[in-house]
Amino acid sequence: MPEENIDKKKVKSICRFDLVDKVKSKNIDQNNNELTLELMAIDYMKNKDEYEINLIFKDNAHIALTTEAIEVRLEAVSYTHLR
């Protein structure tokens, strides 16, 4: 199928982590209710009986999660058609 015939859309999504024991953030204004973070990468490592999950966002912001089990889902919130 030629690329010009593909219906292109931008999807706003929520990446939801459940059963998290500890959260740390850096370079994120938690008082800004209008802030939208652009997720660039997800990294994780296991330390003994826990996982540390690092969410890396645009503009050097990141969130570190600590959990015993990784339980995550991606939920679509809205769609915008692109031209």
Protein backbone atom coordinates (compact mmCIF):
# COMPACT_ATOMS: atom_id res chain seq x y z
CA MET A 1 0.00 0.00 0.00
CA PRO A 2 1.47 3.38 -0.96
CA GLU A 3 2.37 5.57 2.02
CA GLU A 4 0.10 8.42 0.93
CA ASN A 5 -2.96 6.11 1.34
CA ILE A 6 -2.18 5.21 4.96
CA ASP A 7 -4.38 6.88 7.59
CA LYS A 8 -1.81 8.59 9.83
CA LYS A 9 -2.74 9.59 13.36
CA LYS A 10 -1.08 10.74 16.54
CA VAL A 11 -2.13 8.80 19.62
CA LYS A 12 -2.04 10.23 23.15
CA SER A 13 -1.56 7.35 25.53
CA ILE A 14 -1.08 6.52 29.18
CA CYS A 15 1.63 4.06 30.17
CA ARG A 16 0.28 2.70 33.46
CA PHE A 17 2.41 0.80 35.99
CA ASP A 18 0.61 -1.05 38.79
CA LEU A 19 1.88 -2.46 42.12
CA VAL A 20 4.68 0.13 42.43
CA ASP A 21 6.37 0.39 45.85
CA LYS A 22 8.45 3.58 45.37
CA VAL A 23 8.62 6.47 42.86
CA LYS A 24 11.33 9.10 42.33
CA SER A 25 11.28 11.83 39.69
CA LYS A 26 13.71 14.40 38.35
CA ASN A 27 13.20 17.52 36.20
CA ILE A 28 9.38 17.22 36.28
CA ASP A 29 7.20 20.09 37.53
CA GLN A 30 4.59 18.16 39.51
CA ASN A 31 2.59 21.35 40.13
CA ASN A 32 1.95 21.83 36.39
CA ASN A 33 -1.37 20.07 35.67
CA GLU A 34 -1.05 20.87 31.94
CA LEU A 35 2.36 19.19 31.56
CA THR A 36 2.54 16.50 28.87
CA LEU A 37 5.58 14.22 28.98
CA GLU A 38 7.00 12.67 25.81
CA LEU A 39 8.33 9.21 26.63
CA MET A 40 11.58 8.45 24.81
CA ALA A 41 12.67 5.15 26.40
CA ILE A 42 12.02 2.59 29.12
CA ASP A 43 14.87 0.78 30.85
CA TYR A 44 14.83 -1.68 33.72
CA MET A 45 17.17 -3.71 35.90
CA LYS A 46 16.72 -6.28 38.63
CA ASN A 47 18.27 -5.65 42.06
CA LYS A 48 17.89 -8.72 44.31
CA ASP A 49 14.11 -9.13 44.72
CA GLU A 50 13.09 -5.80 43.17
CA TYR A 51 13.00 -4.22 39.74
CA GLU A 52 13.94 -0.63 39.03
CA ILE A 53 12.15 0.77 36.00
CA ASN A 54 13.44 4.02 34.50
CA LEU A 55 11.14 6.07 32.31
CA ILE A 56 13.17 8.55 30.26
CA PHE A 57 11.36 11.55 28.81
CA LYS A 58 12.22 14.37 26.43
CA ASP A 59 14.08 17.35 27.97
CA ASN A 60 16.06 15.21 30.47
CA ALA A 61 13.08 14.37 32.70
CA HIS A 62 12.82 10.91 34.20
CA ILE A 63 10.88 8.77 36.65
CA ALA A 64 12.34 5.79 38.54
CA LEU A 65 9.91 3.14 39.81
CA THR A 66 10.70 0.34 42.28
CA THR A 67 8.51 -2.77 42.30
CA GLU A 68 8.60 -6.50 43.05
CA ALA A 69 6.77 -7.38 39.81
CA ILE A 70 6.46 -5.52 36.51
CA GLU A 71 2.82 -4.96 35.67
CA VAL A 72 2.29 -2.39 32.91
CA ARG A 73 -0.27 -1.53 30.26
CA LEU A 74 -0.58 1.05 27.51
CA GLU A 75 -3.97 2.77 27.26
CA ALA A 76 -4.99 5.04 24.35
CA VAL A 77 -6.59 8.31 25.47
CA SER A 78 -7.21 10.20 22.23
CA TYR A 79 -6.42 10.20 18.51
CA THR A 80 -5.55 13.10 16.22
CA HIS A 81 -5.48 12.61 12.45
CA LEU A 82 -2.36 13.92 10.74
CA ARG A 83 -2.19 15.25 7.21
